[in-house]
Amino acid sequence: MRTPAAITTFSLISPAFEPGQPIPARFTCDGTDASPPLAWSGAPAGTASYVLIVHDPDAPDPEAPRRDWVHWVLYDIPAGISAIAEGASAGAGAEALPDGTREGAHDGGATGWSGPCPPRGRHRYFFELYALDAELRDLGPRATRADVERAMQGHVLGHGQLVGTYERGGR
């Protein structure tokens, strides 16, 4: 089992928004709800696959959060990949995910990207990318965040994080 000190930090960015800044409306329920483009670099040697989990710890209200809402779960992203195109979620149907990539279930009960749609206040959206030393082939389709996190225990080599925010107009 790896200790936290052995986990490498690497870069995760989006050409669509700067870290800590608002996510453009086109990637939300107020726009086309397409998944944003992502890119990464500096993953550790030995990476066999990646996992991406996007979540909002501020649901439903940043002043009184009650749950951490999962917006997207991707696993078995191939090691040779270093970017996800805008609209790549199969749920959006615009672009194809990299071959071999699987989408899990988000907290809305479906698979694919479920963009920000906060009922009130400015929410934070954490894009968490994990470099693993294995693929998670034993997971079935529609795996949840909890399923993926259990399967990746002891396999995390590195982690990249990007945080964006979103607040719906007039709320």
C-alpha atoms as a PDB file:
ATOM      1  CA  MET A   1       0.000   0.000   0.000  1.00  0.00           C
ATOM      2  CA  ARG A   2       1.326   3.432  -0.927  1.00  0.00           C
ATOM      3  CA  THR A   3       1.798   6.114   1.678  1.00  0.00           C
ATOM      4  CA  PRO A   4       0.515   9.640   0.975  1.00  0.00           C
ATOM      5  CA  ALA A   5       4.156  10.827   0.676  1.00  0.00           C
ATOM      6  CA  ALA A   6       4.612   8.475  -2.302  1.00  0.00           C
ATOM      7  CA  ILE A   7       1.781  10.083  -4.298  1.00  0.00           C
ATOM      8  CA  THR A   8       3.000  12.462  -7.016  1.00  0.00           C
ATOM      9  CA  THR A   9       1.149  15.691  -7.729  1.00  0.00           C
ATOM     10  CA  PHE A  10       0.744  16.538 -11.417  1.00  0.00           C
ATOM     11  CA  SER A  11      -0.906  19.263 -13.479  1.00  0.00           C
ATOM     12  CA  LEU A  12      -4.586  19.231 -14.496  1.00  0.00           C
ATOM     13  CA  ILE A  13      -5.922  22.208 -16.445  1.00  0.00           C
ATOM     14  CA  SER A  14      -8.824  23.241 -18.646  1.00  0.00           C
ATOM     15  CA  PRO A  15      -8.373  25.596 -21.584  1.00  0.00           C
ATOM     16  CA  ALA A  16     -11.955  26.736 -20.861  1.00  0.00           C
ATOM     17  CA  PHE A  17     -11.399  28.226 -17.377  1.00  0.00           C
ATOM     18  CA  GLU A  18      -8.600  29.155 -14.981  1.00  0.00           C
ATOM     19  CA  PRO A  19      -8.160  27.406 -11.614  1.00  0.00           C
ATOM     20  CA  GLY A  20     -10.535  28.829  -9.013  1.00  0.00           C
ATOM     21  CA  GLN A  21     -12.461  30.784 -11.643  1.00  0.00           C
ATOM     22  CA  PRO A  22     -16.022  30.413 -12.985  1.00  0.00           C
ATOM     23  CA  ILE A  23     -16.818  27.527 -15.315  1.00  0.00           C
ATOM     24  CA  PRO A  24     -18.353  28.966 -18.521  1.00  0.00           C
ATOM     25  CA  ALA A  25     -22.141  28.558 -18.682  1.00  0.00           C
ATOM     26  CA  ARG A  26     -21.950  26.428 -21.832  1.00  0.00           C
ATOM     27  CA  PHE A  27     -20.668  23.541 -19.652  1.00  0.00           C
ATOM     28  CA  THR A  28     -23.656  23.786 -17.283  1.00  0.00           C
ATOM     29  CA  CYS A  29     -27.412  23.240 -17.239  1.00  0.00           C
ATOM     30  CA  ASP A  30     -27.724  26.885 -18.328  1.00  0.00           C
ATOM     31  CA  GLY A  31     -25.867  26.119 -21.582  1.00  0.00           C
ATOM     32  CA  THR A  32     -25.366  23.050 -23.740  1.00  0.00           C
ATOM     33  CA  ASP A  33     -24.185  21.014 -20.719  1.00  0.00           C
ATOM     34  CA  ALA A  34     -21.162  19.726 -22.649  1.00  0.00           C
ATOM     35  CA  SER A  35     -18.242  18.403 -20.624  1.00  0.00           C
ATOM     36  CA  PRO A  36     -15.324  20.876 -20.504  1.00  0.00           C
ATOM     37  CA  PRO A  37     -11.980  20.136 -22.151  1.00  0.00           C
ATOM     38  CA  LEU A  38      -9.252  18.922 -19.799  1.00  0.00           C
ATOM     39  CA  ALA A  39      -5.517  18.352 -20.203  1.00  0.00           C
ATOM     40  CA  TRP A  40      -2.798  17.067 -17.912  1.00  0.00           C
ATOM     41  CA  SER A  41       0.952  16.620 -17.737  1.00  0.00           C
ATOM     42  CA  GLY A  42       3.606  15.349 -15.367  1.00  0.00           C
ATOM     43  CA  ALA A  43       1.917  12.071 -14.420  1.00  0.00           C
ATOM     44  CA  PRO A  44       4.267   9.630 -12.693  1.00  0.00           C
ATOM     45  CA  ALA A  45       6.162   6.823 -14.411  1.00  0.00           C
ATOM     46  CA  GLY A  46       4.329   3.531 -14.216  1.00  0.00           C
ATOM     47  CA  THR A  47       0.894   5.024 -14.832  1.00  0.00           C
ATOM     48  CA  ALA A  48      -1.365   2.318 -16.325  1.00  0.00           C
ATOM     49  CA  SER A  49      -4.662   4.254 -16.340  1.00  0.00           C
ATOM     50  CA  TYR A  50      -6.424   7.330 -15.028  1.00  0.00           C
ATOM     51  CA  VAL A  51      -9.610   7.964 -13.075  1.00  0.00           C
ATOM     52  CA  LEU A  52     -11.489  11.284 -13.203  1.00  0.00           C
ATOM     53  CA  ILE A  53     -14.066  12.207 -10.585  1.00  0.00           C
ATOM     54  CA  VAL A  54     -15.856  15.572 -10.717  1.00  0.00           C
ATOM     55  CA  HIS A  55     -17.796  16.559  -7.611  1.00  0.00           C
ATOM     56  CA  ASP A  56     -19.433  19.479  -5.807  1.00  0.00           C
ATOM     57  CA  PRO A  57     -18.977  19.463  -2.007  1.00  0.00           C
ATOM     58  CA  ASP A  58     -21.293  22.480  -1.621  1.00  0.00           C
ATOM     59  CA  ALA A  59     -24.653  20.845  -2.467  1.00  0.00           C
ATOM     60  CA  PRO A  60     -27.301  21.992  -2.174  1.00  0.00           C
ATOM     61  CA  ASP A  61     -26.272  25.314  -0.568  1.00  0.00           C
ATOM     62  CA  PRO A  62     -22.689  26.494   0.106  1.00  0.00           C
ATOM     63  CA  GLU A  63     -23.957  28.113   3.332  1.00  0.00           C
ATOM     64  CA  ALA A  64     -25.308  24.746   4.552  1.00  0.00           C
ATOM     65  CA  PRO A  65     -23.809  21.903   2.473  1.00  0.00           C
ATOM     66  CA  ARG A  66     -25.409  18.524   3.058  1.00  0.00           C
ATOM     67  CA  ARG A  67     -23.731  16.301   0.491  1.00  0.00           C
ATOM     68  CA  ASP A  68     -20.901  15.962  -1.990  1.00  0.00           C
ATOM     69  CA  TRP A  69     -22.669  15.697  -5.386  1.00  0.00           C
ATOM     70  CA  VAL A  70     -20.876  13.644  -8.059  1.00  0.00           C
ATOM     71  CA  HIS A  71     -21.097  15.092 -11.599  1.00  0.00           C
ATOM     72  CA  TRP A  72     -18.862  12.738 -13.597  1.00  0.00           C
ATOM     73  CA  VAL A  73     -16.989   9.476 -13.112  1.00  0.00           C
ATOM     74  CA  LEU A  74     -14.511   8.226 -15.724  1.00  0.00           C
ATOM     75  CA  TYR A  75     -12.264   5.225 -15.232  1.00  0.00           C
ATOM     76  CA  ASP A  76      -9.842   3.162 -17.269  1.00  0.00           C
ATOM     77  CA  ILE A  77      -8.720   6.253 -19.178  1.00  0.00           C
ATOM     78  CA  PRO A  78      -5.690   4.857 -21.058  1.00  0.00           C
ATOM     79  CA  ALA A  79      -2.230   5.790 -19.795  1.00  0.00           C
ATOM     80  CA  GLY A  80      -1.228   7.272 -23.176  1.00  0.00           C
ATOM     81  CA  ILE A  81      -3.983   9.894 -23.015  1.00  0.00           C
ATOM     82  CA  SER A  82      -3.254  13.396 -21.711  1.00  0.00           C
ATOM     83  CA  ALA A  83      -6.455  15.240 -22.634  1.00  0.00           C
ATOM     84  CA  ILE A  84     -10.225  14.884 -22.816  1.00  0.00           C
ATOM     85  CA  ALA A  85     -11.933  16.897 -25.551  1.00  0.00           C
ATOM     86  CA  GLU A  86     -14.793  19.314 -24.952  1.00  0.00           C
ATOM     87  CA  GLY A  87     -18.099  17.461 -25.140  1.00  0.00           C
ATOM     88  CA  ALA A  88     -16.375  14.073 -24.843  1.00  0.00           C
ATOM     89  CA  SER A  89     -18.927  12.572 -22.478  1.00  0.00           C
ATOM     90  CA  ALA A  90     -20.987   9.827 -24.056  1.00  0.00           C
ATOM     91  CA  GLY A  91     -23.900  11.343 -22.169  1.00  0.00           C
ATOM     92  CA  ALA A  92     -23.530  14.474 -24.308  1.00  0.00           C
ATOM     93  CA  GLY A  93     -23.002  12.473 -27.488  1.00  0.00           C
ATOM     94  CA  ALA A  94     -20.822  15.144 -29.117  1.00  0.00           C
ATOM     95  CA  GLU A  95     -17.377  13.535 -29.037  1.00  0.00           C
ATOM     96  CA  ALA A  96     -16.075  10.098 -28.254  1.00  0.00           C
ATOM     97  CA  LEU A  97     -14.150   9.383 -25.097  1.00  0.00           C
ATOM     98  CA  PRO A  98     -10.714   7.802 -25.593  1.00  0.00           C
ATOM     99  CA  ASP A  99     -10.968   4.102 -26.503  1.00  0.00           C
ATOM    100  CA  GLY A 100     -11.260   1.939 -23.404  1.00  0.00           C
ATOM    101  CA  THR A 101     -12.519   4.743 -21.153  1.00  0.00           C
ATOM    102  CA  ARG A 102     -15.618   3.887 -19.173  1.00  0.00           C
ATOM    103  CA  GLU A 103     -18.164   6.235 -17.624  1.00  0.00           C
ATOM    104  CA  GLY A 104     -19.652   5.584 -14.247  1.00  0.00           C
ATOM    105  CA  ALA A 105     -22.911   6.778 -12.752  1.00  0.00           C
ATOM    106  CA  HIS A 106     -23.215  10.320 -11.421  1.00  0.00           C
ATOM    107  CA  ASP A 107     -25.503  11.259  -8.541  1.00  0.00           C
ATOM    108  CA  GLY A 108     -28.354  12.034 -10.929  1.00  0.00           C
ATOM    109  CA  GLY A 109     -28.512   8.286 -11.619  1.00  0.00           C
ATOM    110  CA  ALA A 110     -27.326   8.337 -15.238  1.00  0.00           C
ATOM    111  CA  THR A 111     -23.887   8.002 -16.829  1.00  0.00           C
ATOM    112  CA  GLY A 112     -21.936  10.758 -18.501  1.00  0.00           C
ATOM    113  CA  TRP A 113     -21.295  14.383 -17.648  1.00  0.00           C
ATOM    114  CA  SER A 114     -23.884  16.169 -15.516  1.00  0.00           C
ATOM    115  CA  GLY A 115     -22.846  19.799 -15.547  1.00  0.00           C
ATOM    116  CA  PRO A 116     -23.126  22.324 -12.748  1.00  0.00           C
ATOM    117  CA  CYS A 117     -26.673  23.403 -11.901  1.00  0.00           C
ATOM    118  CA  PRO A 118     -26.539  24.749  -8.351  1.00  0.00           C
ATOM    119  CA  PRO A 119     -29.910  25.641  -6.811  1.00  0.00           C
ATOM    120  CA  ARG A 120     -28.392  28.554  -4.876  1.00  0.00           C
ATOM    121  CA  GLY A 121     -25.081  30.263  -4.309  1.00  0.00           C
ATOM    122  CA  ARG A 122     -21.622  29.872  -5.811  1.00  0.00           C
ATOM    123  CA  HIS A 123     -20.506  26.239  -5.748  1.00  0.00           C
ATOM    124  CA  ARG A 124     -17.035  24.749  -6.144  1.00  0.00           C
ATOM    125  CA  TYR A 125     -16.482  21.917  -8.619  1.00  0.00           C
ATOM    126  CA  PHE A 126     -13.487  19.676  -8.007  1.00  0.00           C
ATOM    127  CA  PHE A 127     -12.000  17.862 -11.012  1.00  0.00           C
ATOM    128  CA  GLU A 128      -9.878  15.097  -9.441  1.00  0.00           C
ATOM    129  CA  LEU A 129      -7.617  13.078 -11.736  1.00  0.00           C
ATOM    130  CA  TYR A 130      -5.811  10.033 -10.374  1.00  0.00           C
ATOM    131  CA  ALA A 131      -2.920   8.187 -12.028  1.00  0.00           C
ATOM    132  CA  LEU A 132      -3.112   4.474 -11.216  1.00  0.00           C
ATOM    133  CA  ASP A 133      -0.647   1.612 -11.552  1.00  0.00           C
ATOM    134  CA  ALA A 134      -3.468  -0.659 -12.815  1.00  0.00           C
ATOM    135  CA  GLU A 135      -6.661  -0.660 -14.836  1.00  0.00           C
ATOM    136  CA  LEU A 136      -9.980  -1.160 -13.053  1.00  0.00           C
ATOM    137  CA  ARG A 137     -11.260  -3.827 -15.459  1.00  0.00           C
ATOM    138  CA  ASP A 138     -13.036  -5.747 -12.686  1.00  0.00           C
ATOM    139  CA  LEU A 139     -15.544  -2.909 -12.286  1.00  0.00           C
ATOM    140  CA  GLY A 140     -18.781  -3.336 -14.162  1.00  0.00           C
ATOM    141  CA  PRO A 141     -20.505  -0.638 -16.189  1.00  0.00           C
ATOM    142  CA  ARG A 142     -22.079   2.301 -14.358  1.00  0.00           C
ATOM    143  CA  ALA A 143     -19.707   2.064 -11.389  1.00  0.00           C
ATOM    144  CA  THR A 144     -20.297   4.741  -8.775  1.00  0.00           C
ATOM    145  CA  ARG A 145     -17.701   7.007  -7.214  1.00  0.00           C
ATOM    146  CA  ALA A 146     -17.643   4.734  -4.151  1.00  0.00           C
ATOM    147  CA  ASP A 147     -17.103   1.648  -6.350  1.00  0.00           C
ATOM    148  CA  VAL A 148     -14.233   3.328  -8.193  1.00  0.00           C
ATOM    149  CA  GLU A 149     -12.615   4.664  -5.016  1.00  0.00           C
ATOM    150  CA  ARG A 150     -12.693   1.198  -3.418  1.00  0.00           C
ATOM    151  CA  ALA A 151     -11.171  -0.395  -6.542  1.00  0.00           C
ATOM    152  CA  MET A 152      -8.349   2.146  -6.790  1.00  0.00           C
ATOM    153  CA  GLN A 153      -7.201   1.786  -3.159  1.00  0.00           C
ATOM    154  CA  GLY A 154      -3.526   0.916  -3.099  1.00  0.00           C
ATOM    155  CA  HIS A 155      -3.114   1.767  -6.800  1.00  0.00           C
ATOM    156  CA  VAL A 156      -2.832   5.589  -6.773  1.00  0.00           C
ATOM    157  CA  LEU A 157       0.525   6.847  -8.049  1.00  0.00           C
ATOM    158  CA  GLY A 158      -0.417  10.494  -8.548  1.00  0.00           C
ATOM    159  CA  HIS A 159      -3.141  13.096  -8.297  1.00  0.00           C
ATOM    160  CA  GLY A 160      -4.031  16.261 -10.188  1.00  0.00           C
ATOM    161  CA  GLN A 161      -6.773  18.671  -9.195  1.00  0.00           C
ATOM    162  CA  LEU A 162      -8.572  21.580 -10.837  1.00  0.00           C
ATOM    163  CA  VAL A 163     -11.288  23.575  -9.093  1.00  0.00           C
ATOM    164  CA  GLY A 164     -13.824  25.746 -10.898  1.00  0.00           C
ATOM    165  CA  THR A 165     -16.850  27.602  -9.588  1.00  0.00           C
ATOM    166  CA  TYR A 166     -20.343  28.257 -10.844  1.00  0.00           C
ATOM    167  CA  GLU A 167     -23.294  30.352  -9.732  1.00  0.00           C
ATOM    168  CA  ARG A 168     -26.487  30.587 -11.736  1.00  0.00           C
ATOM    169  CA  GLY A 169     -27.489  34.125 -12.733  1.00  0.00           C
ATOM    170  CA  GLY A 170     -30.076  35.860 -10.564  1.00  0.00           C
ATOM    171  CA  ARG A 171     -29.927  33.279  -7.762  1.00  0.00           C
END
